[in-house]
PDB file of N, CA and C in Angstrom:
ATOM      1  N   MET A   1     -17.644 -43.742 154.655  1.00  0.00           N
ATOM      2  CA  MET A   1     -17.585 -42.317 154.893  1.00  0.00           C
ATOM      3  C   MET A   1     -18.318 -41.592 153.775  1.00  0.00           C
ATOM      4  N   PRO A   2     -19.100 -40.590 154.159  1.00  0.00           N
ATOM      5  CA  PRO A   2     -19.800 -39.805 153.128  1.00  0.00           C
ATOM      6  C   PRO A   2     -18.825 -38.965 152.305  1.00  0.00           C
ATOM      7  N   GLU A   3     -19.145 -38.823 151.053  1.00  0.00           N
ATOM      8  CA  GLU A   3     -18.334 -38.006 150.163  1.00  0.00           C
ATOM      9  C   GLU A   3     -18.782 -36.554 150.292  1.00  0.00           C
ATOM     10  N   SER A   4     -17.822 -35.678 150.477  1.00  0.00           N
ATOM     11  CA  SER A   4     -18.119 -34.259 150.599  1.00  0.00           C
ATOM     12  C   SER A   4     -18.500 -33.676 149.246  1.00  0.00           C
ATOM     13  N   GLU A   5     -19.357 -32.694 149.272  1.00  0.00           N
ATOM     14  CA  GLU A   5     -19.726 -31.982 148.052  1.00  0.00           C
ATOM     15  C   GLU A   5     -18.923 -30.695 147.894  1.00  0.00           C
ATOM     16  N   THR A   6     -17.864 -30.555 148.698  1.00  0.00           N
ATOM     17  CA  THR A   6     -17.016 -29.373 148.616  1.00  0.00           C
ATOM     18  C   THR A   6     -15.808 -29.665 147.736  1.00  0.00           C
ATOM     19  N   GLU A   7     -15.103 -28.632 147.322  1.00  0.00           N
ATOM     20  CA  GLU A   7     -13.984 -28.828 146.405  1.00  0.00           C
ATOM     21  C   GLU A   7     -12.691 -29.271 147.093  1.00  0.00           C
ATOM     22  N   TYR A   8     -12.540 -29.032 148.394  1.00  0.00           N
ATOM     23  CA  TYR A   8     -11.275 -29.338 149.051  1.00  0.00           C
ATOM     24  C   TYR A   8     -11.333 -30.491 150.050  1.00  0.00           C
ATOM     25  N   ILE A   9     -12.495 -30.966 150.394  1.00  0.00           N
ATOM     26  CA  ILE A   9     -12.619 -32.105 151.307  1.00  0.00           C
ATOM     27  C   ILE A   9     -13.224 -33.247 150.511  1.00  0.00           C
ATOM     28  N   GLU A  10     -12.536 -34.378 150.498  1.00  0.00           N
ATOM     29  CA  GLU A  10     -13.055 -35.516 149.745  1.00  0.00           C
ATOM     30  C   GLU A  10     -14.136 -36.253 150.528  1.00  0.00           C
ATOM     31  N   TYR A  11     -13.837 -36.580 151.779  1.00  0.00           N
ATOM     32  CA  TYR A  11     -14.756 -37.336 152.627  1.00  0.00           C
ATOM     33  C   TYR A  11     -14.764 -36.729 154.017  1.00  0.00           C
ATOM     34  N   TYR A  12     -15.825 -36.988 154.754  1.00  0.00           N
ATOM     35  CA  TYR A  12     -15.886 -36.613 156.159  1.00  0.00           C
ATOM     36  C   TYR A  12     -16.425 -37.823 156.916  1.00  0.00           C
ATOM     37  N   PRO A  13     -16.253 -37.868 158.233  1.00  0.00           N
ATOM     38  CA  PRO A  13     -16.611 -39.088 158.974  1.00  0.00           C
ATOM     39  C   PRO A  13     -18.105 -39.404 158.943  1.00  0.00           C
ATOM     40  N   SER A  14     -18.389 -40.699 158.990  1.00  0.00           N
ATOM     41  CA  SER A  14     -19.779 -41.130 159.164  1.00  0.00           C
ATOM     42  C   SER A  14     -20.263 -40.571 160.494  1.00  0.00           C
ATOM     43  N   GLY A  15     -21.537 -40.287 160.566  1.00  0.00           N
ATOM     44  CA  GLY A  15     -22.077 -39.720 161.802  1.00  0.00           C
ATOM     45  C   GLY A  15     -22.051 -38.201 161.810  1.00  0.00           C
ATOM     46  N   TRP A  16     -21.711 -37.617 160.682  1.00  0.00           N
ATOM     47  CA  TRP A  16     -21.711 -36.169 160.521  1.00  0.00           C
ATOM     48  C   TRP A  16     -22.572 -35.818 159.311  1.00  0.00           C
ATOM     49  N   THR A  17     -23.121 -34.611 159.319  1.00  0.00           N
ATOM     50  CA  THR A  17     -23.904 -34.107 158.200  1.00  0.00           C
ATOM     51  C   THR A  17     -23.238 -32.841 157.680  1.00  0.00           C
ATOM     52  N   GLU A  18     -23.082 -32.770 156.384  1.00  0.00           N
ATOM     53  CA  GLU A  18     -22.511 -31.587 155.742  1.00  0.00           C
ATOM     54  C   GLU A  18     -23.665 -30.719 155.263  1.00  0.00           C
ATOM     55  N   GLU A  19     -23.712 -29.487 155.742  1.00  0.00           N
ATOM     56  CA  GLU A  19     -24.751 -28.545 155.301  1.00  0.00           C
ATOM     57  C   GLU A  19     -24.080 -27.400 154.555  1.00  0.00           C
ATOM     58  N   ILE A  20     -24.321 -27.343 153.266  1.00  0.00           N
ATOM     59  CA  ILE A  20     -23.746 -26.291 152.440  1.00  0.00           C
ATOM     60  C   ILE A  20     -24.823 -25.217 152.260  1.00  0.00           C
ATOM     61  N   HIS A  21     -24.635 -24.114 152.972  1.00  0.00           N
ATOM     62  CA  HIS A  21     -25.592 -23.011 152.874  1.00  0.00           C
ATOM     63  C   HIS A  21     -25.357 -22.233 151.585  1.00  0.00           C
ATOM     64  N   ASP A  22     -24.094 -22.055 151.239  1.00  0.00           N
ATOM     65  CA  ASP A  22     -23.657 -21.553 149.936  1.00  0.00           C
ATOM     66  C   ASP A  22     -22.169 -21.860 149.839  1.00  0.00           C
ATOM     67  N   GLU A  23     -21.521 -21.505 148.756  1.00  0.00           N
ATOM     68  CA  GLU A  23     -20.126 -21.918 148.571  1.00  0.00           C
ATOM     69  C   GLU A  23     -19.169 -21.286 149.577  1.00  0.00           C
ATOM     70  N   TYR A  24     -19.625 -20.263 150.306  1.00  0.00           N
ATOM     71  CA  TYR A  24     -18.774 -19.579 151.273  1.00  0.00           C
ATOM     72  C   TYR A  24     -19.158 -19.845 152.719  1.00  0.00           C
ATOM     73  N   TYR A  25     -20.208 -20.620 152.944  1.00  0.00           N
ATOM     74  CA  TYR A  25     -20.695 -20.839 154.308  1.00  0.00           C
ATOM     75  C   TYR A  25     -21.174 -22.285 154.428  1.00  0.00           C
ATOM     76  N   ILE A  26     -20.366 -23.089 155.131  1.00  0.00           N
ATOM     77  CA  ILE A  26     -20.615 -24.526 155.221  1.00  0.00           C
ATOM     78  C   ILE A  26     -20.476 -24.957 156.676  1.00  0.00           C
ATOM     79  N   GLU A  27     -21.315 -25.896 157.090  1.00  0.00           N
ATOM     80  CA  GLU A  27     -21.215 -26.456 158.429  1.00  0.00           C
ATOM     81  C   GLU A  27     -21.206 -27.980 158.349  1.00  0.00           C
ATOM     82  N   TRP A  28     -20.423 -28.589 159.244  1.00  0.00           N
ATOM     83  CA  TRP A  28     -20.415 -30.038 159.406  1.00  0.00           C
ATOM     84  C   TRP A  28     -20.911 -30.286 160.819  1.00  0.00           C
ATOM     85  N   ILE A  29     -22.011 -31.012 160.933  1.00  0.00           N
ATOM     86  CA  ILE A  29     -22.714 -31.169 162.201  1.00  0.00           C
ATOM     87  C   ILE A  29     -22.596 -32.613 162.682  1.00  0.00           C
ATOM     88  N   TYR A  30     -22.251 -32.775 163.956  1.00  0.00           N
ATOM     89  CA  TYR A  30     -22.132 -34.089 164.577  1.00  0.00           C
ATOM     90  C   TYR A  30     -23.540 -34.615 164.863  1.00  0.00           C
ATOM     91  N   ASP A  31     -23.918 -35.699 164.191  1.00  0.00           N
ATOM     92  CA  ASP A  31     -25.294 -36.203 164.263  1.00  0.00           C
ATOM     93  C   ASP A  31     -25.738 -36.586 165.667  1.00  0.00           C
ATOM     94  N   ALA A  32     -24.850 -37.143 166.477  1.00  0.00           N
ATOM     95  CA  ALA A  32     -25.219 -37.588 167.822  1.00  0.00           C
ATOM     96  C   ALA A  32     -25.512 -36.412 168.760  1.00  0.00           C
ATOM     97  N   ASP A  33     -24.993 -35.238 168.425  1.00  0.00           N
ATOM     98  CA  ASP A  33     -25.236 -34.028 169.223  1.00  0.00           C
ATOM     99  C   ASP A  33     -25.112 -32.832 168.285  1.00  0.00           C
ATOM    100  N   PRO A  34     -26.233 -32.400 167.697  1.00  0.00           N
ATOM    101  CA  PRO A  34     -26.178 -31.315 166.704  1.00  0.00           C
ATOM    102  C   PRO A  34     -25.724 -29.958 167.241  1.00  0.00           C
ATOM    103  N   THR A  35     -25.452 -29.865 168.558  1.00  0.00           N
ATOM    104  CA  THR A  35     -24.894 -28.615 169.084  1.00  0.00           C
ATOM    105  C   THR A  35     -23.372 -28.603 168.945  1.00  0.00           C
ATOM    106  N   ILE A  36     -22.816 -29.684 168.396  1.00  0.00           N
ATOM    107  CA  ILE A  36     -21.378 -29.761 168.125  1.00  0.00           C
ATOM    108  C   ILE A  36     -21.205 -29.723 166.608  1.00  0.00           C
ATOM    109  N   PHE A  37     -20.484 -28.720 166.126  1.00  0.00           N
ATOM    110  CA  PHE A  37     -20.280 -28.600 164.687  1.00  0.00           C
ATOM    111  C   PHE A  37     -19.087 -27.723 164.375  1.00  0.00           C
ATOM    112  N   VAL A  38     -18.670 -27.782 163.127  1.00  0.00           N
ATOM    113  CA  VAL A  38     -17.575 -26.963 162.630  1.00  0.00           C
ATOM    114  C   VAL A  38     -18.147 -26.096 161.510  1.00  0.00           C
ATOM    115  N   ARG A  39     -17.919 -24.798 161.622  1.00  0.00           N
ATOM    116  CA  ARG A  39     -18.435 -23.840 160.633  1.00  0.00           C
ATOM    117  C   ARG A  39     -17.277 -23.246 159.841  1.00  0.00           C
ATOM    118  N   LEU A  40     -17.412 -23.232 158.541  1.00  0.00           N
ATOM    119  CA  LEU A  40     -16.466 -22.566 157.648  1.00  0.00           C
ATOM    120  C   LEU A  40     -17.191 -21.356 157.080  1.00  0.00           C
ATOM    121  N   ASP A  41     -16.608 -20.182 157.292  1.00  0.00           N
ATOM    122  CA  ASP A  41     -17.258 -18.942 156.865  1.00  0.00           C
ATOM    123  C   ASP A  41     -16.287 -18.132 156.009  1.00  0.00           C
ATOM    124  N   GLY A  42     -16.618 -18.016 154.729  1.00  0.00           N
ATOM    125  CA  GLY A  42     -15.798 -17.237 153.815  1.00  0.00           C
ATOM    126  C   GLY A  42     -16.507 -16.007 153.312  1.00  0.00           C
ATOM    127  N   THR A  43     -17.517 -15.575 154.039  1.00  0.00           N
ATOM    128  CA  THR A  43     -18.330 -14.450 153.575  1.00  0.00           C
ATOM    129  C   THR A  43     -17.605 -13.102 153.644  1.00  0.00           C
ATOM    130  N   MET A  44     -16.451 -13.061 154.301  1.00  0.00           N
ATOM    131  CA  MET A  44     -15.704 -11.801 154.391  1.00  0.00           C
ATOM    132  C   MET A  44     -14.757 -11.611 153.207  1.00  0.00           C
ATOM    133  N   GLY A  45     -14.641 -12.614 152.332  1.00  0.00           N
ATOM    134  CA  GLY A  45     -13.821 -12.467 151.128  1.00  0.00           C
ATOM    135  C   GLY A  45     -12.585 -13.345 151.127  1.00  0.00           C
ATOM    136  N   ASP A  46     -11.836 -13.262 150.026  1.00  0.00           N
ATOM    137  CA  ASP A  46     -10.618 -14.056 149.860  1.00  0.00           C
ATOM    138  C   ASP A  46      -9.623 -13.764 150.977  1.00  0.00           C
ATOM    139  N   ASP A  47      -8.937 -14.808 151.401  1.00  0.00           N
ATOM    140  CA  ASP A  47      -7.942 -14.730 152.477  1.00  0.00           C
ATOM    141  C   ASP A  47      -8.517 -14.176 153.775  1.00  0.00           C
ATOM    142  N   ALA A  48      -9.808 -14.289 153.929  1.00  0.00           N
ATOM    143  CA  ALA A  48     -10.467 -13.845 155.166  1.00  0.00           C
ATOM    144  C   ALA A  48     -11.457 -14.918 155.646  1.00  0.00           C
ATOM    145  N   TYR A  49     -11.164 -16.165 155.328  1.00  0.00           N
ATOM    146  CA  TYR A  49     -12.015 -17.267 155.771  1.00  0.00           C
ATOM    147  C   TYR A  49     -11.804 -17.514 157.261  1.00  0.00           C
ATOM    148  N   SER A  50     -12.862 -17.939 157.918  1.00  0.00           N
ATOM    149  CA  SER A  50     -12.799 -18.337 159.321  1.00  0.00           C
ATOM    150  C   SER A  50     -13.302 -19.764 159.448  1.00  0.00           C
ATOM    151  N   VAL A  51     -12.706 -20.491 160.380  1.00  0.00           N
ATOM    152  CA  VAL A  51     -13.187 -21.816 160.737  1.00  0.00           C
ATOM    153  C   VAL A  51     -13.458 -21.769 162.229  1.00  0.00           C
ATOM    154  N   ILE A  52     -14.669 -22.142 162.598  1.00  0.00           N
ATOM    155  CA  ILE A  52     -15.118 -21.976 163.968  1.00  0.00           C
ATOM    156  C   ILE A  52     -15.623 -23.314 164.512  1.00  0.00           C
ATOM    157  N   PRO A  53     -14.891 -23.899 165.477  1.00  0.00           N
ATOM    158  CA  PRO A  53     -15.394 -25.111 166.111  1.00  0.00           C
ATOM    159  C   PRO A  53     -16.390 -24.735 167.207  1.00  0.00           C
ATOM    160  N   ILE A  54     -17.579 -25.291 167.135  1.00  0.00           N
ATOM    161  CA  ILE A  54     -18.626 -25.039 168.128  1.00  0.00           C
ATOM    162  C   ILE A  54     -18.781 -26.322 168.939  1.00  0.00           C
ATOM    163  N   THR A  55     -18.649 -26.216 170.262  1.00  0.00           N
ATOM    164  CA  THR A  55     -18.703 -27.418 171.096  1.00  0.00           C
ATOM    165  C   THR A  55     -19.962 -27.485 171.957  1.00  0.00           C
ATOM    166  N   GLY A  56     -20.952 -26.698 171.612  1.00  0.00           N
ATOM    167  CA  GLY A  56     -22.221 -26.741 172.321  1.00  0.00           C
ATOM    168  C   GLY A  56     -22.973 -25.434 172.162  1.00  0.00           C
ATOM    169  N   VAL A  57     -24.236 -25.485 172.521  1.00  0.00           N
ATOM    170  CA  VAL A  57     -25.102 -24.306 172.468  1.00  0.00           C
ATOM    171  C   VAL A  57     -25.912 -24.303 173.759  1.00  0.00           C
ATOM    172  N   ASN A  58     -25.925 -23.161 174.457  1.00  0.00           N
ATOM    173  CA  ASN A  58     -26.673 -23.125 175.717  1.00  0.00           C
ATOM    174  C   ASN A  58     -28.164 -22.853 175.487  1.00  0.00           C
ATOM    175  N   GLU A  59     -28.925 -22.782 176.563  1.00  0.00           N
ATOM    176  CA  GLU A  59     -30.377 -22.609 176.468  1.00  0.00           C
ATOM    177  C   GLU A  59     -30.784 -21.313 175.775  1.00  0.00           C
ATOM    178  N   ASP A  60     -29.911 -20.310 175.809  1.00  0.00           N
ATOM    179  CA  ASP A  60     -30.201 -19.026 175.168  1.00  0.00           C
ATOM    180  C   ASP A  60     -29.773 -18.994 173.705  1.00  0.00           C
ATOM    181  N   GLY A  61     -29.275 -20.117 173.215  1.00  0.00           N
ATOM    182  CA  GLY A  61     -28.840 -20.193 171.824  1.00  0.00           C
ATOM    183  C   GLY A  61     -27.432 -19.684 171.587  1.00  0.00           C
ATOM    184  N   GLU A  62     -26.708 -19.377 172.672  1.00  0.00           N
ATOM    185  CA  GLU A  62     -25.334 -18.911 172.532  1.00  0.00           C
ATOM    186  C   GLU A  62     -24.420 -20.104 172.280  1.00  0.00           C
ATOM    187  N   GLU A  63     -23.561 -19.964 171.285  1.00  0.00           N
ATOM    188  CA  GLU A  63     -22.659 -21.038 170.903  1.00  0.00           C
ATOM    189  C   GLU A  63     -21.373 -20.981 171.718  1.00  0.00           C
ATOM    190  N   PHE A  64     -20.878 -22.166 172.110  1.00  0.00           N
ATOM    191  CA  PHE A  64     -19.595 -22.268 172.786  1.00  0.00           C
ATOM    192  C   PHE A  64     -18.524 -22.396 171.709  1.00  0.00           C
ATOM    193  N   VAL A  65     -17.853 -21.301 171.442  1.00  0.00           N
ATOM    194  CA  VAL A  65     -16.826 -21.246 170.410  1.00  0.00           C
ATOM    195  C   VAL A  65     -15.485 -21.490 171.091  1.00  0.00           C
ATOM    196  N   THR A  66     -14.715 -22.452 170.569  1.00  0.00           N
ATOM    197  CA  THR A  66     -13.465 -22.821 171.224  1.00  0.00           C
ATOM    198  C   THR A  66     -12.237 -22.161 170.635  1.00  0.00           C
ATOM    199  N   ARG A  67     -12.264 -21.209 169.877  1.00  0.00           N
ATOM    200  CA  ARG A  67     -11.188 -20.411 169.304  1.00  0.00           C
ATOM    201  C   ARG A  67     -11.285 -20.438 167.795  1.00  0.00           C
ATOM    202  N   PRO A  68     -11.907 -19.450 167.268  1.00  0.00           N
ATOM    203  CA  PRO A  68     -11.997 -19.390 165.806  1.00  0.00           C
ATOM    204  C   PRO A  68     -10.623 -19.157 165.192  1.00  0.00           C
ATOM    205  N   LEU A  69     -10.430 -19.742 164.044  1.00  0.00           N
ATOM    206  CA  LEU A  69      -9.209 -19.521 163.280  1.00  0.00           C
ATOM    207  C   LEU A  69      -9.613 -18.671 162.083  1.00  0.00           C
ATOM    208  N   ASP A  70      -8.959 -17.546 161.911  1.00  0.00           N
ATOM    209  CA  ASP A  70      -9.386 -16.655 160.836  1.00  0.00           C
ATOM    210  C   ASP A  70      -8.219 -16.144 160.008  1.00  0.00           C
ATOM    211  N   ARG A  71      -8.561 -15.342 159.025  1.00  0.00           N
ATOM    212  CA  ARG A  71      -7.604 -14.811 158.045  1.00  0.00           C
ATOM    213  C   ARG A  71      -6.928 -15.939 157.278  1.00  0.00           C
ATOM    214  N   LEU A  72      -7.716 -16.943 156.938  1.00  0.00           N
ATOM    215  CA  LEU A  72      -7.216 -18.099 156.195  1.00  0.00           C
ATOM    216  C   LEU A  72      -7.600 -17.988 154.728  1.00  0.00           C
ATOM    217  N   SER A  73      -6.789 -18.586 153.869  1.00  0.00           N
ATOM    218  CA  SER A  73      -7.181 -18.711 152.471  1.00  0.00           C
ATOM    219  C   SER A  73      -8.279 -19.771 152.393  1.00  0.00           C
ATOM    220  N   ARG A  74      -8.948 -19.847 151.285  1.00  0.00           N
ATOM    221  CA  ARG A  74     -10.020 -20.834 151.115  1.00  0.00           C
ATOM    222  C   ARG A  74      -9.492 -22.256 151.320  1.00  0.00           C
ATOM    223  N   GLU A  75      -8.383 -22.578 150.676  1.00  0.00           N
ATOM    224  CA  GLU A  75      -7.821 -23.926 150.798  1.00  0.00           C
ATOM    225  C   GLU A  75      -7.390 -24.224 152.227  1.00  0.00           C
ATOM    226  N   GLU A  76      -6.734 -23.267 152.885  1.00  0.00           N
ATOM    227  CA  GLU A  76      -6.325 -23.459 154.285  1.00  0.00           C
ATOM    228  C   GLU A  76      -7.533 -23.676 155.183  1.00  0.00           C
ATOM    229  N   ALA A  77      -8.596 -22.928 154.933  1.00  0.00           N
ATOM    230  CA  ALA A  77      -9.796 -23.045 155.755  1.00  0.00           C
ATOM    231  C   ALA A  77     -10.387 -24.457 155.663  1.00  0.00           C
ATOM    232  N   PHE A  78     -10.417 -25.012 154.478  1.00  0.00           N
ATOM    233  CA  PHE A  78     -10.941 -26.370 154.327  1.00  0.00           C
ATOM    234  C   PHE A  78     -10.032 -27.386 155.016  1.00  0.00           C
ATOM    235  N   GLU A  79      -8.714 -27.179 154.941  1.00  0.00           N
ATOM    236  CA  GLU A  79      -7.779 -28.074 155.629  1.00  0.00           C
ATOM    237  C   GLU A  79      -7.993 -28.023 157.140  1.00  0.00           C
ATOM    238  N   VAL A  80      -8.150 -26.830 157.681  1.00  0.00           N
ATOM    239  CA  VAL A  80      -8.390 -26.670 159.115  1.00  0.00           C
ATOM    240  C   VAL A  80      -9.733 -27.288 159.497  1.00  0.00           C
ATOM    241  N   ALA A  81     -10.765 -27.043 158.711  1.00  0.00           N
ATOM    242  CA  ALA A  81     -12.086 -27.607 158.997  1.00  0.00           C
ATOM    243  C   ALA A  81     -12.026 -29.131 159.030  1.00  0.00           C
ATOM    244  N   ALA A  82     -11.382 -29.736 158.051  1.00  0.00           N
ATOM    245  CA  ALA A  82     -11.280 -31.201 158.010  1.00  0.00           C
ATOM    246  C   ALA A  82     -10.540 -31.722 159.236  1.00  0.00           C
ATOM    247  N   THR A  83      -9.462 -31.058 159.621  1.00  0.00           N
ATOM    248  CA  THR A  83      -8.702 -31.472 160.802  1.00  0.00           C
ATOM    249  C   THR A  83      -9.574 -31.420 162.048  1.00  0.00           C
ATOM    250  N   LEU A  84     -10.323 -30.341 162.208  1.00  0.00           N
ATOM    251  CA  LEU A  84     -11.189 -30.206 163.380  1.00  0.00           C
ATOM    252  C   LEU A  84     -12.311 -31.230 163.389  1.00  0.00           C
ATOM    253  N   ILE A  85     -12.908 -31.485 162.243  1.00  0.00           N
ATOM    254  CA  ILE A  85     -13.987 -32.479 162.160  1.00  0.00           C
ATOM    255  C   ILE A  85     -13.475 -33.841 162.619  1.00  0.00           C
ATOM    256  N   TYR A  86     -12.336 -34.251 162.095  1.00  0.00           N
ATOM    257  CA  TYR A  86     -11.782 -35.553 162.464  1.00  0.00           C
ATOM    258  C   TYR A  86     -11.322 -35.580 163.919  1.00  0.00           C
ATOM    259  N   ALA A  87     -10.778 -34.475 164.429  1.00  0.00           N
ATOM    260  CA  ALA A  87     -10.347 -34.423 165.829  1.00  0.00           C
ATOM    261  C   ALA A  87     -11.546 -34.533 166.770  1.00  0.00           C
ATOM    262  N   ILE A  88     -12.589 -33.773 166.483  1.00  0.00           N
ATOM    263  CA  ILE A  88     -13.796 -33.840 167.312  1.00  0.00           C
ATOM    264  C   ILE A  88     -14.419 -35.227 167.220  1.00  0.00           C
ATOM    265  N   ASN A  89     -14.464 -35.775 166.016  1.00  0.00           N
ATOM    266  CA  ASN A  89     -15.035 -37.107 165.818  1.00  0.00           C
ATOM    267  C   ASN A  89     -14.271 -38.158 166.621  1.00  0.00           C
ATOM    268  N   GLY A  90     -12.953 -38.111 166.573  1.00  0.00           N
ATOM    269  CA  GLY A  90     -12.138 -39.067 167.315  1.00  0.00           C
ATOM    270  C   GLY A  90     -12.291 -38.916 168.815  1.00  0.00           C
ATOM    271  N   THR A  91     -12.351 -37.677 169.284  1.00  0.00           N
ATOM    272  CA  THR A  91     -12.533 -37.428 170.715  1.00  0.00           C
ATOM    273  C   THR A  91     -13.889 -37.937 171.180  1.00  0.00           C
ATOM    274  N   ALA A  92     -14.931 -37.623 170.427  1.00  0.00           N
ATOM    275  CA  ALA A  92     -16.274 -38.096 170.786  1.00  0.00           C
ATOM    276  C   ALA A  92     -16.329 -39.619 170.768  1.00  0.00           C
ATOM    277  N   GLY A  93     -15.720 -40.232 169.778  1.00  0.00           N
ATOM    278  CA  GLY A  93     -15.696 -41.689 169.698  1.00  0.00           C
ATOM    279  C   GLY A  93     -14.987 -42.307 170.885  1.00  0.00           C
ATOM    280  N   ARG A  94     -13.884 -41.711 171.272  1.00  0.00           N
ATOM    281  CA  ARG A  94     -13.141 -42.216 172.435  1.00  0.00           C
ATOM    282  C   ARG A  94     -13.959 -42.047 173.702  1.00  0.00           C
ATOM    283  N   LEU A  95     -14.570 -40.880 173.893  1.00  0.00           N
ATOM    284  CA  LEU A  95     -15.384 -40.644 175.093  1.00  0.00           C
ATOM    285  C   LEU A  95     -16.599 -41.564 175.148  1.00  0.00           C
ATOM    286  N   ASN A  96     -17.102 -41.940 173.983  1.00  0.00           N
ATOM    287  CA  ASN A  96     -18.243 -42.858 173.920  1.00  0.00           C
ATOM    288  C   ASN A  96     -17.819 -44.320 173.999  1.00  0.00           C
ATOM    289  N   GLY A  97     -16.512 -44.564 174.113  1.00  0.00           N
ATOM    290  CA  GLY A  97     -16.005 -45.918 174.254  1.00  0.00           C
ATOM    291  C   GLY A  97     -16.060 -46.756 172.990  1.00  0.00           C
ATOM    292  N   GLU A  98     -16.100 -46.119 171.833  1.00  0.00           N
ATOM    293  CA  GLU A  98     -16.142 -46.852 170.569  1.00  0.00           C
ATOM    294  C   GLU A  98     -14.780 -47.481 170.302  1.00  0.00           C
ATOM    295  N   ALA A  99     -14.779 -48.795 170.064  1.00  0.00           N
ATOM    296  CA  ALA A  99     -13.534 -49.554 169.905  1.00  0.00           C
ATOM    297  C   ALA A  99     -12.611 -48.965 168.845  1.00  0.00           C
ATOM    298  N   GLU A 100     -13.176 -48.429 167.798  1.00  0.00           N
ATOM    299  CA  GLU A 100     -12.375 -47.834 166.722  1.00  0.00           C
ATOM    300  C   GLU A 100     -11.445 -46.749 167.251  1.00  0.00           C
ATOM    301  N   PHE A 101     -11.853 -46.074 168.335  1.00  0.00           N
ATOM    302  CA  PHE A 101     -11.097 -44.952 168.858  1.00  0.00           C
ATOM    303  C   PHE A 101     -10.362 -45.258 170.155  1.00  0.00           C
ATOM    304  N   THR A 102     -10.695 -46.373 170.789  1.00  0.00           N
ATOM    305  CA  THR A 102     -10.036 -46.705 172.063  1.00  0.00           C
ATOM    306  C   THR A 102      -8.917 -47.716 171.888  1.00  0.00           C
ATOM    307  N   GLY A 103      -8.865 -48.365 170.725  1.00  0.00           N
ATOM    308  CA  GLY A 103      -7.860 -49.390 170.495  1.00  0.00           C
ATOM    309  C   GLY A 103      -8.298 -50.746 171.014  1.00  0.00           C
ATOM    310  N   ASP A 104      -9.487 -50.814 171.613  1.00  0.00           N
ATOM    311  CA  ASP A 104     -10.015 -52.082 172.113  1.00  0.00           C
ATOM    312  C   ASP A 104     -10.670 -52.827 170.955  1.00  0.00           C
ATOM    313  N   THR A 105     -10.098 -53.941 170.617  1.00  0.00           N
ATOM    314  CA  THR A 105     -10.678 -54.737 169.553  1.00  0.00           C
ATOM    315  C   THR A 105     -10.787 -56.178 169.998  1.00  0.00           C
ATOM    316  N   ASP A 106     -11.715 -56.882 169.442  1.00  0.00           N
ATOM    317  CA  ASP A 106     -11.903 -58.303 169.710  1.00  0.00           C
ATOM    318  C   ASP A 106     -11.289 -59.083 168.583  1.00  0.00           C
ATOM    319  N   ASP A 107      -9.993 -59.040 168.473  1.00  0.00           N
ATOM    320  CA  ASP A 107      -9.302 -59.756 167.411  1.00  0.00           C
ATOM    321  C   ASP A 107      -8.854 -61.100 167.964  1.00  0.00           C
ATOM    322  N   ALA A 108      -9.643 -62.111 167.706  1.00  0.00           N
ATOM    323  CA  ALA A 108      -9.367 -63.445 168.247  1.00  0.00           C
ATOM    324  C   ALA A 108      -8.526 -64.255 167.271  1.00  0.00           C
ATOM    325  N   SER A 109      -7.340 -63.758 166.928  1.00  0.00           N
ATOM    326  CA  SER A 109      -6.496 -64.515 166.010  1.00  0.00           C
ATOM    327  C   SER A 109      -5.479 -65.337 166.744  1.00  0.00           C
TER     328      SER A 109
END
């Protein structure tokens, strides 16, 4: 797992890219489909952080936002972002049939 360069997330899943635009605006992008990402936006100030899960972008560039979470402290925002990144990662892995996420393993013991 890649090590995060942020202060509140230690690691994020392989297959994701962390883009730090500045200390208040960070995105984690799913490499297999860059229209899926989680955005952390703290540009509105302390205790006004938002975490926005994006599950796609249409042809006009409009993002499919699945319910932004806002009015969060900085630490809470990072906790929510990490939870969403791992949830999306696990869901995508399961839908793609990856054994790590489906419980299907070839353990010939």
